């Protein structure tokens, strides 16, 4: 039994909408095998290594009292203003990229949602969702606790995302 049992069929139905288009592009030579195999990983890795790392760095700069600073990474905004935009953008790209990853796996004849990579994806999305909700508590009586949780859970989320990268490389090398 898998944590994905209840959602596997609907997700497979969604993937089935897109897979024929990718297979056709593959057969026509528009989408080379290398791109279909490693394109998702390259795109998502670049999001993690740029937006994820920069966003995490900014989060800790805010925590250390440097949130009002303006740097080359913030494009004229303060670190405090740029941090949620960078991390929110990364989350958006991760959600879109996850769909692409599922379609590309299916296009290559692999099963979806049955790998450690799928598990680390679920964990990462859950953690990012929690991270997105925590700032709503910052102004409350429990604001200091929410900020502490956000900081340390943010670091744990980055560990989960890097574990996701590692499981993705292993998955890519497995077929």
Protein backbone atom coordinates (compact mmCIF):
# COMPACT_ATOMS: atom_id res chain seq x y z
CA UNK A 1 0.00 0.00 0.00
CA UNK A 2 1.31 3.44 -0.95
CA UNK A 3 0.45 6.94 0.26
CA UNK A 4 -0.43 7.65 -3.37
CA UNK A 5 -3.05 4.88 -3.78
CA UNK A 6 -6.01 7.26 -3.54
CA UNK A 7 -4.68 9.74 -6.07
CA UNK A 8 -2.72 7.58 -8.49
CA UNK A 9 -5.59 6.95 -10.93
CA UNK A 10 -6.65 10.63 -11.23
CA UNK A 11 -3.02 11.70 -11.65
CA UNK A 12 -2.47 8.99 -14.28
CA UNK A 13 -5.56 10.26 -16.11
CA UNK A 14 -4.11 13.77 -16.12
CA UNK A 15 -0.72 12.49 -17.32
CA UNK A 16 -2.46 10.52 -20.09
CA UNK A 17 -3.69 13.82 -21.57
CA UNK A 18 -0.13 15.04 -22.19
CA UNK A 19 1.89 11.87 -22.81
CA UNK A 20 0.71 11.32 -26.43
CA UNK A 21 1.90 14.79 -27.41
CA UNK A 22 5.34 14.16 -25.94
CA UNK A 23 5.56 10.73 -27.57
CA UNK A 24 4.65 12.28 -30.91
CA UNK A 25 7.31 14.96 -30.47
CA UNK A 26 9.78 12.21 -29.62
CA UNK A 27 8.86 10.17 -32.71
CA UNK A 28 9.14 13.24 -34.93
CA UNK A 29 12.59 14.00 -33.55
CA UNK A 30 11.46 17.34 -32.08
CA UNK A 31 12.15 16.18 -28.53
CA UNK A 32 15.38 14.18 -28.34
CA UNK A 33 15.62 11.33 -25.84
CA UNK A 34 18.28 13.11 -23.78
CA UNK A 35 15.99 16.13 -23.33
CA UNK A 36 13.04 13.95 -22.35
CA UNK A 37 15.19 12.03 -19.91
CA UNK A 38 17.13 14.85 -18.22
CA UNK A 39 15.20 18.03 -19.10
CA UNK A 40 12.99 17.94 -16.00
CA UNK A 41 15.96 17.37 -13.73
CA UNK A 42 18.00 20.15 -15.31
CA UNK A 43 15.13 22.62 -15.06
CA UNK A 44 14.17 21.75 -11.49
CA UNK A 45 17.80 21.56 -10.38
CA UNK A 46 18.37 25.06 -11.71
CA UNK A 47 15.34 26.34 -9.79
CA UNK A 48 16.57 24.72 -6.58
CA UNK A 49 20.17 25.85 -6.98
CA UNK A 50 19.20 29.41 -7.83
CA UNK A 51 15.85 30.45 -6.37
CA UNK A 52 15.84 27.90 -3.54
CA UNK A 53 19.35 28.61 -2.29
CA UNK A 54 19.00 32.38 -2.71
CA UNK A 55 15.60 32.35 -1.00
CA UNK A 56 16.92 30.30 1.93
CA UNK A 57 19.90 32.63 2.25
CA UNK A 58 17.54 35.61 2.30
CA UNK A 59 15.38 33.96 4.94
CA UNK A 60 18.35 33.57 7.24
CA UNK A 61 19.46 37.14 6.52
CA UNK A 62 16.05 38.32 7.71
CA UNK A 63 16.40 36.14 10.82
CA UNK A 64 19.84 37.63 11.50
CA UNK A 65 18.44 41.17 11.37
CA UNK A 66 19.47 42.08 7.84
CA UNK A 67 15.97 42.06 6.30
CA UNK A 68 16.10 45.77 5.52
CA UNK A 69 19.21 45.45 3.38
CA UNK A 70 19.09 45.92 -0.38
CA UNK A 71 21.53 43.75 -2.34
CA UNK A 72 22.23 42.82 -5.94
CA UNK A 73 20.08 39.71 -5.39
CA UNK A 74 17.02 41.74 -4.40
CA UNK A 75 16.87 44.02 -7.48
CA UNK A 76 16.15 47.18 -5.52
CA UNK A 77 13.88 45.66 -2.90
CA UNK A 78 14.75 44.80 0.65
CA UNK A 79 15.64 41.24 1.49
CA UNK A 80 12.40 41.05 3.53
CA UNK A 81 10.38 42.06 0.46
CA UNK A 82 12.22 39.80 -1.99
CA UNK A 83 12.34 36.61 0.12
CA UNK A 84 8.66 35.59 -0.22
CA UNK A 85 8.66 36.43 -3.92
CA UNK A 86 11.75 34.32 -4.65
CA UNK A 87 10.56 31.34 -2.58
CA UNK A 88 6.97 31.71 -3.85
CA UNK A 89 8.28 31.68 -7.41
CA UNK A 90 10.37 28.59 -6.69
CA UNK A 91 7.32 26.82 -5.22
CA UNK A 92 5.29 27.73 -8.31
CA UNK A 93 7.98 26.33 -10.63
CA UNK A 94 8.31 23.18 -8.50
CA UNK A 95 4.55 22.55 -8.79
CA UNK A 96 4.63 23.04 -12.56
CA UNK A 97 7.82 21.04 -12.92
CA UNK A 98 6.40 18.15 -10.94
CA UNK A 99 3.64 17.78 -13.48
CA UNK A 100 6.20 17.79 -16.26
CA UNK A 101 8.27 15.19 -14.45
CA UNK A 102 5.29 12.86 -14.19
CA UNK A 103 4.49 13.26 -17.88
CA UNK A 104 8.11 12.71 -18.91
CA UNK A 105 8.35 9.56 -16.76
CA UNK A 106 5.21 8.21 -18.38
CA UNK A 107 6.46 9.18 -21.85
CA UNK A 108 9.53 7.03 -21.20
CA UNK A 109 7.39 4.06 -20.12
CA UNK A 110 8.14 4.39 -16.41
CA UNK A 111 5.56 4.12 -13.64
CA UNK A 112 4.67 7.30 -11.81
CA UNK A 113 4.42 7.79 -8.04
CA UNK A 114 6.32 4.60 -7.21
CA UNK A 115 9.81 5.82 -6.42
CA UNK A 116 11.69 7.46 -3.56
CA UNK A 117 11.72 10.53 -5.81
CA UNK A 118 7.91 10.65 -5.65
CA UNK A 119 8.06 10.40 -1.85
CA UNK A 120 10.57 13.23 -1.53
CA UNK A 121 8.41 15.29 -3.92
CA UNK A 122 5.37 14.82 -1.69
CA UNK A 123 7.39 15.66 1.42
CA UNK A 124 8.82 18.77 -0.24
CA UNK A 125 5.40 20.04 -1.38
CA UNK A 126 3.93 19.48 2.10
CA UNK A 127 6.83 21.31 3.73
CA UNK A 128 6.67 24.20 1.24
CA UNK A 129 2.91 24.47 1.86
CA UNK A 130 3.47 24.64 5.62
CA UNK A 131 6.16 27.26 5.04
CA UNK A 132 3.73 29.33 2.97
CA UNK A 133 1.13 29.26 5.76
CA UNK A 134 3.40 30.05 8.71
CA UNK A 135 3.82 33.79 7.91
CA UNK A 136 0.07 34.23 8.45
CA UNK A 137 0.85 33.66 12.15
CA UNK A 138 3.72 36.13 12.38
CA UNK A 139 1.49 38.99 13.61
CA UNK A 140 -0.34 36.85 16.18
CA UNK A 141 0.48 36.22 19.84
CA UNK A 142 2.49 33.19 18.72
CA UNK A 143 4.43 35.22 16.16
CA UNK A 144 7.85 34.61 17.68
CA UNK A 145 7.25 30.85 17.78
CA UNK A 146 5.92 30.90 14.19
CA UNK A 147 9.07 32.74 13.06
CA UNK A 148 11.28 30.19 14.81
CA UNK A 149 9.39 27.29 13.24
CA UNK A 150 9.49 28.99 9.83
CA UNK A 151 13.27 29.46 10.01
CA UNK A 152 14.15 25.94 11.09
CA UNK A 153 11.46 24.25 9.02
CA UNK A 154 12.75 26.25 6.05
CA UNK A 155 16.18 24.71 6.54
CA UNK A 156 14.60 21.26 6.85
CA UNK A 157 12.67 21.96 3.65
CA UNK A 158 15.92 22.72 1.84
CA UNK A 159 17.35 19.40 3.10
CA UNK A 160 14.25 17.64 1.75
CA UNK A 161 14.61 19.41 -1.60
CA UNK A 162 18.25 18.38 -1.88
CA UNK A 163 17.24 14.81 -0.99
CA UNK A 164 14.69 15.13 -3.80
CA UNK A 165 17.48 16.18 -6.16
CA UNK A 166 19.58 13.15 -5.15
CA UNK A 167 16.67 10.71 -5.56
CA UNK A 168 15.96 12.29 -8.95
CA UNK A 169 19.51 11.74 -10.15
CA UNK A 170 19.32 8.13 -8.93
CA UNK A 171 16.00 7.66 -10.71
CA UNK A 172 17.40 9.15 -13.91
CA UNK A 173 20.39 6.82 -13.80
CA UNK A 174 18.20 3.77 -13.16
CA UNK A 175 16.80 3.56 -16.69
